[in-house]
């Protein structure tokens, strides 16, 4: 059995292995586990009840988190003519046709997202054995095979991330860095859970979300209660009254009624009784 280091064991001792934490508490605990010399990544691992051997139970899609995941995204585009110029104007890191395909065939895969126009898919198709296993193959289902390359590049640069189940029916996704505020991490987590539930395959049977685990790059996993899928952000201390950094906003002071000035105060005198006739 692998022996863990002292720092890992200290972090591990902070986690109750028998407990499934509420999302807000789990995020706070994970954020507190930042201990490396670099800013660690916060990962979310969702084990579903899908049978991924059946095509109708495959789960795949894209999501743009509310807050940046904290990394630069390198985008390449297979396009020509006007579409290539649109991609360059939108900020693509590399644009080309056969020349770009040959560069990838020669072993260059130092990019995050590949986008292609439909007319160049015959060229890109030859790269399936290289890009497929890395999850970078352009796919019309996730919007990376499109004629609107400018929009696709903009969305990818903004942090649009592709997710899908692996062979064990688990979705792995980064939801940010530990230098994000607790509320920002929690909002990213909530957005991911909302998307996974929205994309539930119609053929799915039984319990959909089995387990959810949050972890930093070098820290232990923290189990999250998978039944808590609504009003997640409101679980933060302070609820709706919390500020952007997670701290509760001070309650407004109650107005104090002003007293009238002494020289203008009046006292109602009782009316005199009528004289007896």
Foldseek 3Di string as FASTA:
>chain_A
DDDDDPLQVVLVVVADPVDAAALLVQLVSQLVSPDDPDWWFKKKKWAWPFQVVDVLQWFKEKDQFPDAQPDFFAEEEEDDDPLQVLLVVLPHPYYYALVVLVVVVVPDDPGHEYAYEVVRVVSLVVCCVPCVVVVHRQDVRHPRHHSPNSVVNNRVRSPIDMWIADNSRMTMDTQHTSVAASLSSQSSVLRVLVVRVVRGRPPDDDGTTDWMWMHIPPHDIHTHDPVPNPLSSQPQVQRPQADRNSHGDDDDDDDDDDDDDPVPDDDDDDDDDDDDD
